[in-house]
């Protein structure tokens, strides 16, 4: 199978959760003999932070400065492609969607890795810059990083005909138990790009516990944090970490926090890739609560759930042995159900079914 993707960025993980997800999928697909061509516009804010320059054998990264210049190449790649896929936040999403929908590719797919944001903006009457003006009804398959209510919204509000979740995942070859580093060591860590719609939860589950427990060490890593962020003396900040440093970051803390963006948490069934990454490293995870979390991990046995600041304080009082058991159980669950190979197989099954159904649906 040849898959052509028009996406946001696979070459840089700076402030971009799409990158590691695509890297894991591409690694699995190409290892099985499939070919993947990924078109990525060479954006100036990703260029200085590029942490991948080429895809594995069988994969090809096409970095281009502008759509018109790359259009002939895109047409050539689509000419013998089996599947064409456009993602949310693709800088040329509208033009790429038009090209894909006008092509003769057997399966035309849209993958929304930001469905709650897409739906929220659509409901507010905003023009979503990466969506075709007519919605998603022209695609044979619409995938969503978020399940639950998000799938219904893609049908009812954006006209998607066939929808399916394709959740987050982790490459266990890249994320595994790693020796800790003193520079990342802490009692509670948090890894994530700054986002205004995560700030209220971060205040409740990270910053306020840091104030209440001044003798504990809190470590935060990520990009785009403002200068007026509410730093405390026991909070250590690590600038953007490239993916190879993530395992050491996770493994250097007793417990790591997952905080979900508000629109995603409201829709539920929205597992962050951080859940699977930390779990693969054997690091116990404390997560905010949202509907469907128990579909991915067993609360109290494989993950801890917080609804208030007091839950965080209680979690940090648990013994190292108890937290270690939680981390081992999470790792077992991740390896059994949530690896990139698992998601790649799900993707292939969905694409196979979509290849059969569109013709019948159009008759």
Foldseek 3Di string as FASTA:
>chain_A
DEEEEQEEDLQAPAQNQVNQLVLQLQVLQVVVPYAYEYEYEPDPVRVVGGPHDAHPPRYGYHYHPDCVVCVVVVLVSQQPGQEYEYEAPRQCQQVSLVSQLPGPHLFYEYEYAPLLVVLVCVVVVHDRNNAHPLFAQSGLEYEYQADAVSQVSSCPRRPHDHYDYQHAFAALVLFAADAADPLLAFAEEEEHADDPQQVVVCCFAPVVLCVVCVVTAYEYEHDDDDPPPPDDPRYHYDYHDDSSCVNNNQNRYQEYEDTDRPSRQARFRNDRNVLLRSLSHLHEYEYEDGPPPCVQPNDPQQHDYDDGNVSNVVVSPDDSVSRSRNSPRSNVSNVVAGHSNNSSVVVVVVSVVSSPPPVVVVD
